[in-house]
Amino acid sequence: MESSDYPMTENETLAGDLGDMDEEAAKEWEHTLLQDSLGKELNELNRRLEQKESEMKLYGGFDTTALKHHFGKKILELEEEKCAVQVVLKLYTKK
């Protein structure tokens, strides 16, 4: 006789129900952990966004002309350095 030919006893039915409940509880627990993890990630992203927004407000308070002057000077220095390297390169390739 196969096992499916035997009628299930009350204990076997109860054990099957408990197995289903355990599986459901495990799925619920997994879902809860995932929700918790995503909630923490969302909180961290919100914190970082607030930090970036406050940094932007800080930079917005600076005098943009001073920044333009500073970076304009840096660009000129880099262009001069580029020209010097090009001159050395031309001299080197003529040999």
PDB file of N, CA and C in Angstrom:
ATOM      1  N   MET A   1       0.823  -1.181   0.000  1.00  0.00           N
ATOM      2  CA  MET A   1       0.000   0.000   0.000  1.00  0.00           C
ATOM      3  C   MET A   1       0.870   1.249   0.000  1.00  0.00           C
ATOM      4  N   GLU A   2       0.441   2.257  -0.734  1.00  0.00           N
ATOM      5  CA  GLU A   2       1.173   3.509  -0.758  1.00  0.00           C
ATOM      6  C   GLU A   2       0.721   4.367   0.409  1.00  0.00           C
ATOM      7  N   SER A   3       1.578   5.343   0.742  1.00  0.00           N
ATOM      8  CA  SER A   3       1.256   6.186   1.891  1.00  0.00           C
ATOM      9  C   SER A   3       0.008   7.012   1.648  1.00  0.00           C
ATOM     10  N   SER A   4      -0.317   7.294   0.385  1.00  0.00           N
ATOM     11  CA  SER A   4      -1.510   8.082   0.103  1.00  0.00           C
ATOM     12  C   SER A   4      -2.784   7.274   0.327  1.00  0.00           C
ATOM     13  N   ASP A   5      -2.642   5.942   0.443  1.00  0.00           N
ATOM     14  CA  ASP A   5      -3.808   5.095   0.688  1.00  0.00           C
ATOM     15  C   ASP A   5      -4.244   5.120   2.142  1.00  0.00           C
ATOM     16  N   TYR A   6      -3.361   5.543   3.028  1.00  0.00           N
ATOM     17  CA  TYR A   6      -3.682   5.592   4.448  1.00  0.00           C
ATOM     18  C   TYR A   6      -4.383   6.893   4.770  1.00  0.00           C
ATOM     19  N   PRO A   7      -5.429   6.842   5.556  1.00  0.00           N
ATOM     20  CA  PRO A   7      -6.077   8.095   5.970  1.00  0.00           C
ATOM     21  C   PRO A   7      -5.156   8.848   6.935  1.00  0.00           C
ATOM     22  N   MET A   8      -5.152  10.158   6.818  1.00  0.00           N
ATOM     23  CA  MET A   8      -4.315  10.975   7.699  1.00  0.00           C
ATOM     24  C   MET A   8      -4.945  11.046   9.070  1.00  0.00           C
ATOM     25  N   THR A   9      -4.099  10.929  10.071  1.00  0.00           N
ATOM     26  CA  THR A   9      -4.586  11.057  11.438  1.00  0.00           C
ATOM     27  C   THR A   9      -4.667  12.527  11.793  1.00  0.00           C
ATOM     28  N   GLU A  10      -5.309  12.811  12.895  1.00  0.00           N
ATOM     29  CA  GLU A  10      -5.445  14.201  13.349  1.00  0.00           C
ATOM     30  C   GLU A  10      -4.074  14.814  13.617  1.00  0.00           C
ATOM     31  N   ASN A  11      -3.142  14.040  14.193  1.00  0.00           N
ATOM     32  CA  ASN A  11      -1.799  14.547  14.485  1.00  0.00           C
ATOM     33  C   ASN A  11      -1.041  14.885  13.209  1.00  0.00           C
ATOM     34  N   GLU A  12      -1.194  14.054  12.168  1.00  0.00           N
ATOM     35  CA  GLU A  12      -0.513  14.331  10.907  1.00  0.00           C
ATOM     36  C   GLU A  12      -1.082  15.586  10.255  1.00  0.00           C
ATOM     37  N   THR A  13      -2.383  15.755  10.332  1.00  0.00           N
ATOM     38  CA  THR A  13      -3.014  16.958   9.790  1.00  0.00           C
ATOM     39  C   THR A  13      -2.529  18.191  10.546  1.00  0.00           C
ATOM     40  N   LEU A  14      -2.479  18.076  11.865  1.00  0.00           N
ATOM     41  CA  LEU A  14      -2.008  19.169  12.703  1.00  0.00           C
ATOM     42  C   LEU A  14      -0.550  19.491  12.386  1.00  0.00           C
ATOM     43  N   ALA A  15       0.272  18.467  12.205  1.00  0.00           N
ATOM     44  CA  ALA A  15       1.683  18.681  11.879  1.00  0.00           C
ATOM     45  C   ALA A  15       1.808  19.383  10.534  1.00  0.00           C
ATOM     46  N   GLY A  16       0.966  18.993   9.574  1.00  0.00           N
ATOM     47  CA  GLY A  16       0.981  19.657   8.273  1.00  0.00           C
ATOM     48  C   GLY A  16       0.585  21.118   8.394  1.00  0.00           C
ATOM     49  N   ASP A  17      -0.444  21.397   9.202  1.00  0.00           N
ATOM     50  CA  ASP A  17      -0.866  22.776   9.433  1.00  0.00           C
ATOM     51  C   ASP A  17       0.238  23.583  10.099  1.00  0.00           C
ATOM     52  N   LEU A  18       0.924  22.979  11.062  1.00  0.00           N
ATOM     53  CA  LEU A  18       2.033  23.669  11.731  1.00  0.00           C
ATOM     54  C   LEU A  18       3.163  23.939  10.755  1.00  0.00           C
ATOM     55  N   GLY A  19       3.425  22.977   9.871  1.00  0.00           N
ATOM     56  CA  GLY A  19       4.461  23.190   8.853  1.00  0.00           C
ATOM     57  C   GLY A  19       4.106  24.359   7.959  1.00  0.00           C
ATOM     58  N   ASP A  20       2.823  24.437   7.564  1.00  0.00           N
ATOM     59  CA  ASP A  20       2.373  25.563   6.751  1.00  0.00           C
ATOM     60  C   ASP A  20       2.500  26.866   7.522  1.00  0.00           C
ATOM     61  N   MET A  21       2.128  26.816   8.814  1.00  0.00           N
ATOM     62  CA  MET A  21       2.227  28.021   9.641  1.00  0.00           C
ATOM     63  C   MET A  21       3.685  28.431   9.799  1.00  0.00           C
ATOM     64  N   ASP A  22       4.572  27.450   9.978  1.00  0.00           N
ATOM     65  CA  ASP A  22       5.991  27.768  10.115  1.00  0.00           C
ATOM     66  C   ASP A  22       6.512  28.406   8.832  1.00  0.00           C
ATOM     67  N   GLU A  23       6.079  27.886   7.699  1.00  0.00           N
ATOM     68  CA  GLU A  23       6.499  28.436   6.423  1.00  0.00           C
ATOM     69  C   GLU A  23       5.965  29.858   6.259  1.00  0.00           C
ATOM     70  N   GLU A  24       4.702  30.057   6.633  1.00  0.00           N
ATOM     71  CA  GLU A  24       4.121  31.397   6.565  1.00  0.00           C
ATOM     72  C   GLU A  24       4.836  32.341   7.513  1.00  0.00           C
ATOM     73  N   ALA A  25       5.112  31.871   8.725  1.00  0.00           N
ATOM     74  CA  ALA A  25       5.813  32.705   9.701  1.00  0.00           C
ATOM     75  C   ALA A  25       7.203  33.062   9.195  1.00  0.00           C
ATOM     76  N   ALA A  26       7.876  32.102   8.555  1.00  0.00           N
ATOM     77  CA  ALA A  26       9.207  32.366   8.015  1.00  0.00           C
ATOM     78  C   ALA A  26       9.139  33.407   6.906  1.00  0.00           C
ATOM     79  N   LYS A  27       8.105  33.303   6.053  1.00  0.00           N
ATOM     80  CA  LYS A  27       7.934  34.282   4.977  1.00  0.00           C
ATOM     81  C   LYS A  27       7.621  35.656   5.546  1.00  0.00           C
ATOM     82  N   GLU A  28       6.772  35.689   6.559  1.00  0.00           N
ATOM     83  CA  GLU A  28       6.447  36.971   7.198  1.00  0.00           C
ATOM     84  C   GLU A  28       7.681  37.583   7.841  1.00  0.00           C
ATOM     85  N   TRP A  29       8.476  36.734   8.490  1.00  0.00           N
ATOM     86  CA  TRP A  29       9.701  37.210   9.133  1.00  0.00           C
ATOM     87  C   TRP A  29      10.665  37.756   8.091  1.00  0.00           C
ATOM     88  N   GLU A  30      10.811  37.042   6.983  1.00  0.00           N
ATOM     89  CA  GLU A  30      11.683  37.490   5.895  1.00  0.00           C
ATOM     90  C   GLU A  30      11.195  38.821   5.337  1.00  0.00           C
ATOM     91  N   HIS A  31       9.877  38.939   5.173  1.00  0.00           N
ATOM     92  CA  HIS A  31       9.286  40.177   4.683  1.00  0.00           C
ATOM     93  C   HIS A  31       9.539  41.327   5.658  1.00  0.00           C
ATOM     94  N   THR A  32       9.389  41.042   6.944  1.00  0.00           N
ATOM     95  CA  THR A  32       9.634  42.059   7.974  1.00  0.00           C
ATOM     96  C   THR A  32      11.090  42.509   7.960  1.00  0.00           C
ATOM     97  N   LEU A  33      12.007  41.553   7.827  1.00  0.00           N
ATOM     98  CA  LEU A  33      13.434  41.903   7.769  1.00  0.00           C
ATOM     99  C   LEU A  33      13.740  42.751   6.543  1.00  0.00           C
ATOM    100  N   LEU A  34      13.143  42.389   5.408  1.00  0.00           N
ATOM    101  CA  LEU A  34      13.357  43.156   4.184  1.00  0.00           C
ATOM    102  C   LEU A  34      12.806  44.572   4.339  1.00  0.00           C
ATOM    103  N   GLN A  35      11.611  44.690   4.913  1.00  0.00           N
ATOM    104  CA  GLN A  35      11.024  46.013   5.149  1.00  0.00           C
ATOM    105  C   GLN A  35      11.921  46.845   6.062  1.00  0.00           C
ATOM    106  N   ASP A  36      12.441  46.217   7.113  1.00  0.00           N
ATOM    107  CA  ASP A  36      13.316  46.905   8.058  1.00  0.00           C
ATOM    108  C   ASP A  36      14.583  47.381   7.353  1.00  0.00           C
ATOM    109  N   SER A  37      15.157  46.507   6.546  1.00  0.00           N
ATOM    110  CA  SER A  37      16.374  46.849   5.815  1.00  0.00           C
ATOM    111  C   SER A  37      16.127  48.002   4.847  1.00  0.00           C
ATOM    112  N   LEU A  38      15.024  47.922   4.110  1.00  0.00           N
ATOM    113  CA  LEU A  38      14.690  48.992   3.168  1.00  0.00           C
ATOM    114  C   LEU A  38      14.373  50.292   3.902  1.00  0.00           C
ATOM    115  N   GLY A  39      13.736  50.190   5.056  1.00  0.00           N
ATOM    116  CA  GLY A  39      13.450  51.381   5.856  1.00  0.00           C
ATOM    117  C   GLY A  39      14.729  52.060   6.322  1.00  0.00           C
ATOM    118  N   LYS A  40      15.697  51.253   6.761  1.00  0.00           N
ATOM    119  CA  LYS A  40      16.983  51.814   7.183  1.00  0.00           C
ATOM    120  C   LYS A  40      17.701  52.466   6.012  1.00  0.00           C
ATOM    121  N   GLU A  41      17.647  51.803   4.841  1.00  0.00           N
ATOM    122  CA  GLU A  41      18.284  52.359   3.652  1.00  0.00           C
ATOM    123  C   GLU A  41      17.633  53.687   3.267  1.00  0.00           C
ATOM    124  N   LEU A  42      16.305  53.741   3.348  1.00  0.00           N
ATOM    125  CA  LEU A  42      15.585  54.977   3.037  1.00  0.00           C
ATOM    126  C   LEU A  42      15.976  56.086   4.010  1.00  0.00           C
ATOM    127  N   ASN A  43      16.060  55.764   5.289  1.00  0.00           N
ATOM    128  CA  ASN A  43      16.473  56.756   6.285  1.00  0.00           C
ATOM    129  C   ASN A  43      17.877  57.272   5.999  1.00  0.00           C
ATOM    130  N   GLU A  44      18.780  56.372   5.621  1.00  0.00           N
ATOM    131  CA  GLU A  44      20.155  56.767   5.303  1.00  0.00           C
ATOM    132  C   GLU A  44      20.181  57.674   4.071  1.00  0.00           C
ATOM    133  N   LEU A  45      19.399  57.334   3.057  1.00  0.00           N
ATOM    134  CA  LEU A  45      19.333  58.170   1.854  1.00  0.00           C
ATOM    135  C   LEU A  45      18.753  59.541   2.172  1.00  0.00           C
ATOM    136  N   ASN A  46      17.733  59.580   3.012  1.00  0.00           N
ATOM    137  CA  ASN A  46      17.161  60.869   3.418  1.00  0.00           C
ATOM    138  C   ASN A  46      18.176  61.703   4.180  1.00  0.00           C
ATOM    139  N   ARG A  47      18.944  61.056   5.051  1.00  0.00           N
ATOM    140  CA  ARG A  47      19.969  61.769   5.817  1.00  0.00           C
ATOM    141  C   ARG A  47      21.026  62.352   4.887  1.00  0.00           C
ATOM    142  N   ARG A  48      21.463  61.544   3.913  1.00  0.00           N
ATOM    143  CA  ARG A  48      22.482  62.020   2.978  1.00  0.00           C
ATOM    144  C   ARG A  48      21.944  63.139   2.091  1.00  0.00           C
ATOM    145  N   LEU A  49      20.668  63.033   1.711  1.00  0.00           N
ATOM    146  CA  LEU A  49      20.049  64.083   0.911  1.00  0.00           C
ATOM    147  C   LEU A  49      19.988  65.392   1.692  1.00  0.00           C
ATOM    148  N   GLU A  50      19.594  65.314   2.952  1.00  0.00           N
ATOM    149  CA  GLU A  50      19.565  66.515   3.795  1.00  0.00           C
ATOM    150  C   GLU A  50      20.960  67.119   3.926  1.00  0.00           C
ATOM    151  N   GLN A  51      21.967  66.258   4.063  1.00  0.00           N
ATOM    152  CA  GLN A  51      23.343  66.729   4.170  1.00  0.00           C
ATOM    153  C   GLN A  51      23.758  67.457   2.887  1.00  0.00           C
ATOM    154  N   LYS A  52      23.431  66.875   1.735  1.00  0.00           N
ATOM    155  CA  LYS A  52      23.769  67.509   0.448  1.00  0.00           C
ATOM    156  C   LYS A  52      23.025  68.830   0.287  1.00  0.00           C
ATOM    157  N   GLU A  53      21.773  68.873   0.699  1.00  0.00           N
ATOM    158  CA  GLU A  53      21.006  70.109   0.594  1.00  0.00           C
ATOM    159  C   GLU A  53      21.614  71.208   1.461  1.00  0.00           C
ATOM    160  N   SER A  54      22.060  70.838   2.661  1.00  0.00           N
ATOM    161  CA  SER A  54      22.675  71.849   3.527  1.00  0.00           C
ATOM    162  C   SER A  54      24.013  72.303   2.955  1.00  0.00           C
ATOM    163  N   GLU A  55      24.755  71.387   2.328  1.00  0.00           N
ATOM    164  CA  GLU A  55      26.010  71.777   1.670  1.00  0.00           C
ATOM    165  C   GLU A  55      25.733  72.742   0.526  1.00  0.00           C
ATOM    166  N   MET A  56      24.683  72.475  -0.251  1.00  0.00           N
ATOM    167  CA  MET A  56      24.343  73.354  -1.363  1.00  0.00           C
ATOM    168  C   MET A  56      23.950  74.741  -0.860  1.00  0.00           C
ATOM    169  N   LYS A  57      23.240  74.795   0.263  1.00  0.00           N
ATOM    170  CA  LYS A  57      22.887  76.090   0.833  1.00  0.00           C
ATOM    171  C   LYS A  57      24.140  76.837   1.257  1.00  0.00           C
ATOM    172  N   LEU A  58      25.098  76.092   1.797  1.00  0.00           N
ATOM    173  CA  LEU A  58      26.369  76.687   2.205  1.00  0.00           C
ATOM    174  C   LEU A  58      27.084  77.290   1.009  1.00  0.00           C
ATOM    175  N   TYR A  59      27.179  76.515  -0.074  1.00  0.00           N
ATOM    176  CA  TYR A  59      27.866  77.005  -1.270  1.00  0.00           C
ATOM    177  C   TYR A  59      27.102  78.137  -1.931  1.00  0.00           C
ATOM    178  N   GLY A  60      25.791  78.093  -1.816  1.00  0.00           N
ATOM    179  CA  GLY A  60      24.973  79.151  -2.385  1.00  0.00           C
ATOM    180  C   GLY A  60      25.226  80.490  -1.707  1.00  0.00           C
ATOM    181  N   GLY A  61      25.716  80.453  -0.481  1.00  0.00           N
ATOM    182  CA  GLY A  61      26.002  81.672   0.258  1.00  0.00           C
ATOM    183  C   GLY A  61      27.316  82.330  -0.131  1.00  0.00           C
ATOM    184  N   PHE A  62      28.173  81.607  -0.842  1.00  0.00           N
ATOM    185  CA  PHE A  62      29.453  82.176  -1.247  1.00  0.00           C
ATOM    186  C   PHE A  62      29.265  83.177  -2.376  1.00  0.00           C
ATOM    187  N   ASP A  63      30.215  84.095  -2.435  1.00  0.00           N
ATOM    188  CA  ASP A  63      30.237  85.073  -3.517  1.00  0.00           C
ATOM    189  C   ASP A  63      30.708  84.349  -4.779  1.00  0.00           C
ATOM    190  N   THR A  64      29.829  84.255  -5.774  1.00  0.00           N
ATOM    191  CA  THR A  64      30.178  83.516  -6.989  1.00  0.00           C
ATOM    192  C   THR A  64      31.295  84.195  -7.774  1.00  0.00           C
ATOM    193  N   THR A  65      31.438  85.490  -7.651  1.00  0.00           N
ATOM    194  CA  THR A  65      32.532  86.172  -8.356  1.00  0.00           C
ATOM    195  C   THR A  65      33.876  85.724  -7.818  1.00  0.00           C
ATOM    196  N   ALA A  66      33.957  85.504  -6.521  1.00  0.00           N
ATOM    197  CA  ALA A  66      35.211  85.034  -5.935  1.00  0.00           C
ATOM    198  C   ALA A  66      35.530  83.629  -6.446  1.00  0.00           C
ATOM    199  N   LEU A  67      34.503  82.773  -6.544  1.00  0.00           N
ATOM    200  CA  LEU A  67      34.716  81.430  -7.083  1.00  0.00           C
ATOM    201  C   LEU A  67      35.130  81.482  -8.549  1.00  0.00           C
ATOM    202  N   LYS A  68      34.471  82.328  -9.326  1.00  0.00           N
ATOM    203  CA  LYS A  68      34.823  82.462 -10.750  1.00  0.00           C
ATOM    204  C   LYS A  68      36.262  82.950 -10.892  1.00  0.00           C
ATOM    205  N   HIS A  69      36.648  83.901 -10.083  1.00  0.00           N
ATOM    206  CA  HIS A  69      38.020  84.431 -10.128  1.00  0.00           C
ATOM    207  C   HIS A  69      39.017  83.327  -9.778  1.00  0.00           C
ATOM    208  N   HIS A  70      38.730  82.586  -8.718  1.00  0.00           N
ATOM    209  CA  HIS A  70      39.631  81.523  -8.269  1.00  0.00           C
ATOM    210  C   HIS A  70      39.814  80.469  -9.356  1.00  0.00           C
ATOM    211  N   PHE A  71      38.700  79.989  -9.898  1.00  0.00           N
ATOM    212  CA  PHE A  71      38.801  78.937 -10.906  1.00  0.00           C
ATOM    213  C   PHE A  71      39.285  79.468 -12.247  1.00  0.00           C
ATOM    214  N   GLY A  72      39.003  80.719 -12.537  1.00  0.00           N
ATOM    215  CA  GLY A  72      39.546  81.342 -13.750  1.00  0.00           C
ATOM    216  C   GLY A  72      41.065  81.388 -13.687  1.00  0.00           C
ATOM    217  N   LYS A  73      41.576  81.727 -12.512  1.00  0.00           N
ATOM    218  CA  LYS A  73      43.032  81.761 -12.304  1.00  0.00           C
ATOM    219  C   LYS A  73      43.624  80.356 -12.471  1.00  0.00           C
ATOM    220  N   LYS A  74      42.959  79.367 -11.927  1.00  0.00           N
ATOM    221  CA  LYS A  74      43.428  77.979 -12.051  1.00  0.00           C
ATOM    222  C   LYS A  74      43.449  77.549 -13.518  1.00  0.00           C
ATOM    223  N   ILE A  75      42.414  77.944 -14.282  1.00  0.00           N
ATOM    224  CA  ILE A  75      42.361  77.589 -15.704  1.00  0.00           C
ATOM    225  C   ILE A  75      43.523  78.231 -16.447  1.00  0.00           C
ATOM    226  N   LEU A  76      43.812  79.491 -16.164  1.00  0.00           N
ATOM    227  CA  LEU A  76      44.942  80.163 -16.808  1.00  0.00           C
ATOM    228  C   LEU A  76      46.260  79.463 -16.486  1.00  0.00           C
ATOM    229  N   GLU A  77      46.440  79.064 -15.225  1.00  0.00           N
ATOM    230  CA  GLU A  77      47.662  78.355 -14.837  1.00  0.00           C
ATOM    231  C   GLU A  77      47.797  77.040 -15.607  1.00  0.00           C
ATOM    232  N   LEU A  78      46.696  76.324 -15.744  1.00  0.00           N
ATOM    233  CA  LEU A  78      46.730  75.060 -16.480  1.00  0.00           C
ATOM    234  C   LEU A  78      47.000  75.287 -17.969  1.00  0.00           C
ATOM    235  N   GLU A  79      46.423  76.336 -18.536  1.00  0.00           N
ATOM    236  CA  GLU A  79      46.680  76.643 -19.949  1.00  0.00           C
ATOM    237  C   GLU A  79      48.150  77.003 -20.164  1.00  0.00           C
ATOM    238  N   GLU A  80      48.746  77.765 -19.239  1.00  0.00           N
ATOM    239  CA  GLU A  80      50.170  78.098 -19.338  1.00  0.00           C
ATOM    240  C   GLU A  80      51.034  76.846 -19.237  1.00  0.00           C
ATOM    241  N   GLU A  81      50.671  75.958 -18.331  1.00  0.00           N
ATOM    242  CA  GLU A  81      51.405  74.705 -18.168  1.00  0.00           C
ATOM    243  C   GLU A  81      51.282  73.855 -19.433  1.00  0.00           C
ATOM    244  N   LYS A  82      50.096  73.843 -20.032  1.00  0.00           N
ATOM    245  CA  LYS A  82      49.865  73.092 -21.262  1.00  0.00           C
ATOM    246  C   LYS A  82      50.749  73.636 -22.384  1.00  0.00           C
ATOM    247  N   CYS A  83      50.819  74.956 -22.496  1.00  0.00           N
ATOM    248  CA  CYS A  83      51.661  75.576 -23.529  1.00  0.00           C
ATOM    249  C   CYS A  83      53.132  75.207 -23.322  1.00  0.00           C
ATOM    250  N   ALA A  84      53.582  75.222 -22.085  1.00  0.00           N
ATOM    251  CA  ALA A  84      54.975  74.880 -21.787  1.00  0.00           C
ATOM    252  C   ALA A  84      55.257  73.430 -22.175  1.00  0.00           C
ATOM    253  N   VAL A  85      54.349  72.547 -21.899  1.00  0.00           N
ATOM    254  CA  VAL A  85      54.522  71.140 -22.254  1.00  0.00           C
ATOM    255  C   VAL A  85      54.528  70.980 -23.769  1.00  0.00           C
ATOM    256  N   GLN A  86      53.673  71.720 -24.480  1.00  0.00           N
ATOM    257  CA  GLN A  86      53.637  71.647 -25.935  1.00  0.00           C
ATOM    258  C   GLN A  86      54.960  72.123 -26.539  1.00  0.00           C
ATOM    259  N   VAL A  87      55.540  73.180 -25.973  1.00  0.00           N
ATOM    260  CA  VAL A  87      56.822  73.688 -26.454  1.00  0.00           C
ATOM    261  C   VAL A  87      57.904  72.627 -26.263  1.00  0.00           C
ATOM    262  N   VAL A  88      57.962  72.027 -25.099  1.00  0.00           N
ATOM    263  CA  VAL A  88      58.955  70.991 -24.825  1.00  0.00           C
ATOM    264  C   VAL A  88      58.744  69.813 -25.770  1.00  0.00           C
ATOM    265  N   LEU A  89      57.501  69.459 -26.013  1.00  0.00           N
ATOM    266  CA  LEU A  89      57.186  68.349 -26.907  1.00  0.00           C
ATOM    267  C   LEU A  89      57.637  68.644 -28.325  1.00  0.00           C
ATOM    268  N   LYS A  90      57.419  69.863 -28.797  1.00  0.00           N
ATOM    269  CA  LYS A  90      57.850  70.259 -30.156  1.00  0.00           C
ATOM    270  C   LYS A  90      59.370  70.191 -30.254  1.00  0.00           C
ATOM    271  N   LEU A  91      60.051  70.679 -29.232  1.00  0.00           N
ATOM    272  CA  LEU A  91      61.511  70.639 -29.236  1.00  0.00           C
ATOM    273  C   LEU A  91      62.010  69.203 -29.244  1.00  0.00           C
ATOM    274  N   TYR A  92      61.373  68.354 -28.512  1.00  0.00           N
ATOM    275  CA  TYR A  92      61.783  66.977 -28.392  1.00  0.00           C
ATOM    276  C   TYR A  92      61.548  66.221 -29.706  1.00  0.00           C
ATOM    277  N   THR A  93      60.439  66.508 -30.389  1.00  0.00           N
ATOM    278  CA  THR A  93      60.121  65.789 -31.628  1.00  0.00           C
ATOM    279  C   THR A  93      60.954  66.280 -32.806  1.00  0.00           C
ATOM    280  N   LYS A  94      61.562  67.482 -32.752  1.00  0.00           N
ATOM    281  CA  LYS A  94      62.399  67.993 -33.823  1.00  0.00           C
ATOM    282  C   LYS A  94      63.740  67.273 -33.862  1.00  0.00           C
ATOM    283  N   LYS A  95      64.172  66.730 -32.786  1.00  0.00           N
ATOM    284  CA  LYS A  95      65.484  66.082 -32.727  1.00  0.00           C
ATOM    285  C   LYS A  95      65.522  64.792 -33.455  1.00  0.00           C
TER     286      LYS A  95
END
